[in-house]
Amino acid sequence: MTARQPLEAIVAKRTQESPTIFTLQLRLSDAAAQAAYRFAPGQFNMLYLPGVGEVPISVMSDPQERDGIGHTIRALGRVTRGLAALRPGDSLGLRGPYGRGWPLREMEGRDIVLVTGGLGCAPAVSVIHYLLRRRERYGKLVVIQGVKHAEDLIWREQYDRWATLPDTQVLLAASQGGALWPWHVGRVTELLEQARFDPGRAAAMMCGPEGMMRTAAEKLLARGLPESRLHLSMERNMQCAVGRCGHCQFGGAFVCRDGPVFDWGQVKSLLEHRGF
């Protein structure tokens, strides 16, 4: 189901993850619509506040979670600050899901490397949940997450738990650490040398700042990862979500319709031009 008009959604739960980041668990008011709602990891919804505006937000839930639809959001602009003011029981509009998600079925049998930066971790969390529920279908799992400030790391308990699982490696970095930061201090891309995986049988997924993704891609390709198995989630100014308004045009593609997930061959020439 992909709604073209916003459907009413109710805030079932709100969690303050950090001073500026929060998670909303939403449930569609129409029980039949909620039961019919399906998404793939990597897709996004448009969240709408009447009289304020609409904003694209990645779904961070596991696809098997049928009771709610999770979105983790940083309060930055007019709409996201309005969303931050919502409390359980409040309503908003939701339309979606939209876009192309991660090719997870094509990756079955492979080692999986996830590289994320900042709040780029949100669309990757649904991937991690998906993989862990189907662990027998995949090889090693390497999760590499970087944040700017140590206090920006959310879901710390989940990362700690994931690090204890078999064939799972978790590497964390902060550009600016702190007295209680036990992990790497520096760029997240510096952790790639520590990642343990077989490039010949691996696939990689990345989301976050484009500069970080360019550097990470170069390092992974240098280790022998094929271009066809390197995937990136791109961000642009998505307003209509159906490829009509043109705000998110990226070369000859539209991020909302043809992405947000692209493989390296589709975007490498575009990423050579900063600010494109």
Protein backbone atom coordinates (compact mmCIF):
# COMPACT_ATOMS: atom_id res chain seq x y z
CA MET A 1 0.00 0.00 0.00
CA THR A 2 1.29 3.44 -0.95
CA ALA A 3 -1.04 6.27 -0.01
CA ARG A 4 -1.17 9.22 -2.43
CA GLN A 5 -3.09 11.33 0.08
CA PRO A 6 -2.07 11.51 3.73
CA LEU A 7 -3.77 9.02 6.01
CA GLU A 8 -4.36 9.89 9.64
CA ALA A 9 -1.78 8.40 11.98
CA ILE A 10 -1.71 8.49 15.76
CA VAL A 11 1.43 8.78 17.86
CA ALA A 12 1.46 5.52 19.85
CA LYS A 13 4.80 6.14 21.57
CA ARG A 14 7.42 8.88 21.70
CA THR A 15 11.04 8.38 22.80
CA GLN A 16 13.57 11.18 23.28
CA GLU A 17 16.80 9.62 22.02
CA SER A 18 19.08 12.64 22.57
CA PRO A 19 18.60 16.39 23.11
CA THR A 20 17.71 16.85 19.41
CA ILE A 21 16.73 13.35 18.22
CA PHE A 22 13.43 11.59 18.94
CA THR A 23 11.55 8.53 17.74
CA LEU A 24 7.83 8.40 16.95
CA GLN A 25 6.01 5.09 16.78
CA LEU A 26 2.93 5.69 14.64
CA ARG A 27 -0.20 3.69 14.01
CA LEU A 28 -2.65 4.39 11.21
CA SER A 29 -6.09 5.28 12.55
CA ASP A 30 -7.79 3.01 10.04
CA ALA A 31 -7.23 -0.54 11.25
CA ALA A 32 -7.50 -1.99 7.75
CA ALA A 33 -4.92 0.48 6.42
CA GLN A 34 -2.56 -0.38 9.29
CA ALA A 35 -2.96 -4.10 8.59
CA ALA A 36 -2.27 -3.54 4.88
CA TYR A 37 0.76 -1.30 5.39
CA ARG A 38 4.00 -2.86 4.09
CA PHE A 39 7.46 -1.41 3.52
CA ALA A 40 10.95 -2.53 2.59
CA PRO A 41 14.02 -1.44 4.62
CA GLY A 42 15.38 1.73 3.05
CA GLN A 43 12.02 3.19 2.03
CA PHE A 44 10.56 6.37 3.52
CA ASN A 45 7.24 7.98 4.42
CA MET A 46 6.08 11.56 4.08
CA LEU A 47 4.93 12.90 7.47
CA TYR A 48 2.49 15.80 7.33
CA LEU A 49 1.49 18.40 9.92
CA PRO A 50 -1.57 20.43 8.83
CA GLY A 51 -0.70 24.10 8.48
CA VAL A 52 3.01 23.41 8.92
CA GLY A 53 4.24 21.20 6.08
CA GLU A 54 5.47 17.76 5.08
CA VAL A 55 8.85 16.05 5.39
CA PRO A 56 10.35 12.71 4.19
CA ILE A 57 11.48 10.40 7.01
CA SER A 58 12.99 6.92 6.68
CA VAL A 59 11.15 4.03 8.30
CA MET A 60 13.35 2.47 10.99
CA SER A 61 11.05 -0.38 12.08
CA ASP A 62 11.48 -4.02 11.21
CA PRO A 63 9.11 -5.00 8.37
CA GLN A 64 7.67 -7.76 10.56
CA GLU A 65 6.53 -5.28 13.21
CA ARG A 66 2.85 -4.97 12.43
CA ASP A 67 1.65 -2.82 15.34
CA GLY A 68 3.55 0.38 14.62
CA ILE A 69 5.62 2.35 12.10
CA GLY A 70 8.80 3.84 13.56
CA HIS A 71 10.53 7.07 12.51
CA THR A 72 13.63 8.55 14.13
CA ILE A 73 13.89 12.30 13.53
CA ARG A 74 16.27 15.15 14.29
CA ALA A 75 14.54 18.42 15.14
CA LEU A 76 16.11 20.88 12.70
CA GLY A 77 13.49 22.72 10.66
CA ARG A 78 9.95 23.99 10.94
CA VAL A 79 8.26 20.64 10.28
CA THR A 80 10.60 18.47 12.34
CA ARG A 81 10.34 20.87 15.27
CA GLY A 82 6.56 20.57 14.97
CA LEU A 83 6.85 16.78 14.95
CA ALA A 84 9.04 17.01 18.05
CA ALA A 85 6.16 18.68 19.89
CA LEU A 86 3.80 15.74 19.30
CA ARG A 87 2.90 13.48 22.20
CA PRO A 88 1.17 10.07 22.43
CA GLY A 89 -2.39 10.39 21.23
CA ASP A 90 -1.68 13.29 18.86
CA SER A 91 -2.41 12.87 15.17
CA LEU A 92 -0.61 13.70 11.93
CA GLY A 93 -0.73 12.72 8.28
CA LEU A 94 1.27 9.88 6.74
CA ARG A 95 1.63 8.86 3.13
CA GLY A 96 3.89 6.17 1.79
CA PRO A 97 5.97 4.15 1.70
CA TYR A 98 7.97 5.54 -1.19
CA GLY A 99 11.21 4.88 -3.00
CA ARG A 100 13.45 1.92 -3.65
CA GLY A 101 14.88 0.12 -0.62
CA TRP A 102 17.96 -2.03 -0.11
CA PRO A 103 18.34 -5.16 -2.33
CA LEU A 104 18.45 -7.48 0.67
CA ARG A 105 17.28 -10.60 -1.12
CA GLU A 106 20.08 -10.25 -3.66
CA MET A 107 22.53 -10.09 -0.76
CA GLU A 108 21.55 -13.44 0.76
CA GLY A 109 24.55 -15.67 1.41
CA ARG A 110 26.96 -12.72 1.57
CA ASP A 111 28.87 -10.92 4.29
CA ILE A 112 27.13 -7.59 4.96
CA VAL A 113 28.97 -4.35 5.72
CA LEU A 114 26.93 -1.37 6.95
CA VAL A 115 28.63 2.03 7.08
CA THR A 116 26.62 4.91 8.48
CA GLY A 117 27.29 8.45 9.66
CA GLY A 118 25.25 10.72 11.91
CA LEU A 119 21.50 10.15 11.79
CA GLY A 120 22.23 8.08 8.66
CA CYS A 121 22.03 5.19 11.09
CA ALA A 122 18.20 5.41 11.15
CA PRO A 123 17.53 3.77 7.75
CA ALA A 124 20.21 1.18 8.57
CA VAL A 125 18.56 0.10 11.82
CA SER A 126 15.66 -1.50 9.95
CA VAL A 127 18.26 -3.37 7.90
CA ILE A 128 19.98 -4.67 11.04
CA HIS A 129 16.68 -5.84 12.50
CA TYR A 130 15.83 -7.50 9.18
CA LEU A 131 19.17 -9.32 9.01
CA LEU A 132 19.10 -10.48 12.63
CA ARG A 133 15.64 -11.97 12.20
CA ARG A 134 16.95 -13.90 9.17
CA ARG A 135 20.48 -14.46 10.39
CA GLU A 136 20.88 -17.89 8.79
CA ARG A 137 20.53 -16.38 5.30
CA TYR A 138 23.61 -14.12 5.57
CA GLY A 139 27.31 -14.36 6.40
CA LYS A 140 29.21 -12.02 8.68
CA LEU A 141 27.61 -8.74 9.71
CA VAL A 142 29.82 -5.68 10.17
CA VAL A 143 28.17 -2.53 11.56
CA ILE A 144 30.28 0.64 11.35
CA GLN A 145 28.66 3.75 12.80
CA GLY A 146 30.10 7.23 13.18
CA VAL A 147 28.75 10.34 14.91
CA LYS A 148 30.10 13.86 15.22
CA HIS A 149 29.71 14.18 19.00
CA ALA A 150 29.76 11.29 21.46
CA GLU A 151 26.34 12.31 22.81
CA ASP A 152 24.87 11.91 19.31
CA LEU A 153 25.12 8.11 19.54
CA ILE A 154 21.63 6.77 20.07
CA TRP A 155 20.56 3.15 20.67
CA ARG A 156 23.81 2.48 22.56
CA GLU A 157 22.26 -0.54 24.30
CA GLN A 158 21.37 -2.06 20.94
CA TYR A 159 24.91 -1.64 19.64
CA ASP A 160 26.28 -3.26 22.80
CA ARG A 161 23.90 -6.20 22.38
CA TRP A 162 24.66 -6.61 18.68
CA ALA A 163 28.40 -6.70 19.42
CA THR A 164 27.92 -9.88 21.48
CA LEU A 165 26.25 -11.84 18.68
CA PRO A 166 28.11 -14.52 16.68
CA ASP A 167 29.71 -13.43 13.38
CA THR A 168 28.85 -9.80 14.17
CA GLN A 169 31.34 -6.96 14.45
CA VAL A 170 30.36 -3.49 15.71
CA LEU A 171 32.74 -0.56 15.23
CA LEU A 172 31.85 2.89 16.56
CA ALA A 173 33.54 6.27 16.14
CA ALA A 174 32.98 9.86 17.24
CA SER A 175 34.76 12.83 15.72
CA GLN A 176 34.59 14.43 19.16
CA GLY A 177 34.70 11.89 21.97
CA GLY A 178 34.38 12.40 25.69
CA ALA A 179 35.66 11.11 29.01
CA LEU A 180 33.20 8.19 28.92
CA TRP A 181 33.55 7.41 25.19
CA PRO A 182 35.22 3.95 25.01
CA TRP A 183 35.43 3.63 21.23
CA HIS A 184 37.41 5.20 18.40
CA VAL A 185 37.84 8.97 18.29
CA GLY A 186 38.16 10.18 14.71
CA ARG A 187 36.52 9.65 11.34
CA VAL A 188 34.23 6.66 10.86
CA THR A 189 36.06 5.79 7.63
CA GLU A 190 39.20 5.11 9.67
CA LEU A 191 37.44 2.04 11.07
CA LEU A 192 37.18 0.30 7.71
CA GLU A 193 40.68 -1.11 8.10
CA GLN A 194 39.48 -3.00 11.18
CA ALA A 195 36.43 -4.49 9.46
CA ARG A 196 36.60 -8.28 9.07
CA PHE A 197 34.82 -9.57 5.98
CA ASP A 198 35.52 -11.37 2.71
CA PRO A 199 35.37 -8.79 -0.12
CA GLY A 200 34.77 -11.56 -2.65
CA ARG A 201 31.50 -12.55 -1.01
CA ALA A 202 30.46 -9.27 0.64
CA ALA A 203 27.94 -6.53 -0.08
CA ALA A 204 27.98 -3.07 1.47
CA MET A 205 25.31 -0.51 2.32
CA MET A 206 26.03 3.09 3.27
CA CYS A 207 24.07 6.14 4.36
CA GLY A 208 25.15 9.47 5.77
CA PRO A 209 27.11 12.52 4.58
CA GLU A 210 28.19 12.24 0.95
CA GLY A 211 31.84 13.00 1.68
CA MET A 212 31.92 10.13 4.14
CA MET A 213 30.28 7.78 1.67
CA ARG A 214 32.73 8.71 -1.11
CA THR A 215 35.70 7.97 1.13
CA ALA A 216 34.19 4.75 2.45
CA ALA A 217 33.38 3.60 -1.08
CA GLU A 218 36.95 4.18 -2.22
CA LYS A 219 38.29 2.16 0.72
CA LEU A 220 35.87 -0.72 0.17
CA LEU A 221 36.57 -0.85 -3.56
CA ALA A 222 40.31 -0.83 -2.83
CA ARG A 223 39.78 -3.94 -0.70
CA GLY A 224 38.21 -5.71 -3.66
CA LEU A 225 34.49 -5.18 -3.13
CA PRO A 226 32.79 -5.15 -6.58
CA GLU A 227 31.04 -1.91 -7.58
CA SER A 228 27.82 -3.81 -8.24
CA ARG A 229 27.60 -4.82 -4.57
CA LEU A 230 28.09 -1.33 -3.13
CA HIS A 231 24.86 0.53 -2.36
CA LEU A 232 24.22 4.05 -1.06
CA SER A 233 21.14 5.79 0.31
CA MET A 234 21.04 9.35 -1.02
CA GLU A 235 19.35 12.41 0.45
CA ARG A 236 17.86 15.30 -1.50
CA ASN A 237 15.03 17.80 -1.11
CA MET A 238 12.11 15.40 -1.59
CA GLN A 239 8.77 17.21 -1.66
CA CYS A 240 6.29 15.28 -3.79
CA ALA A 241 7.79 11.76 -3.29
CA VAL A 242 6.58 10.61 -6.72
CA GLY A 243 9.09 12.17 -9.12
CA ARG A 244 6.92 15.04 -10.38
CA CYS A 245 8.11 18.22 -8.68
CA GLY A 246 11.78 17.87 -9.70
CA HIS A 247 13.25 19.10 -6.41
CA CYS A 248 15.18 15.88 -5.80
CA GLN A 249 16.56 15.40 -9.31
CA PHE A 250 19.96 13.71 -9.18
CA GLY A 251 21.50 13.54 -12.66
CA GLY A 252 18.83 11.88 -14.76
CA ALA A 253 17.16 10.24 -11.77
CA PHE A 254 14.82 11.36 -9.00
CA VAL A 255 15.88 10.32 -5.52
CA CYS A 256 12.30 9.92 -4.29
CA ARG A 257 11.27 7.63 -7.13
CA ASP A 258 14.46 5.96 -8.41
CA GLY A 259 16.17 5.88 -5.00
CA PRO A 260 16.86 6.67 -2.29
CA VAL A 261 19.00 3.53 -2.65
CA PHE A 262 21.37 3.51 -5.65
CA ASP A 263 24.31 1.30 -6.50
CA TRP A 264 27.78 2.81 -6.85
CA GLY A 265 27.78 2.60 -10.65
CA GLN A 266 24.72 4.86 -10.79
CA VAL A 267 26.12 7.64 -8.62
CA LYS A 268 29.93 7.55 -8.73
CA SER A 269 30.26 10.10 -11.55
CA LEU A 270 27.74 12.42 -9.87
CA LEU A 271 29.49 12.26 -6.51
CA GLU A 272 32.70 13.45 -8.12
CA HIS A 273 31.10 16.92 -8.25
CA ARG A 274 30.61 18.36 -4.77
CA GLY A 275 27.26 20.00 -4.24
CA PHE A 276 25.68 18.39 -7.30
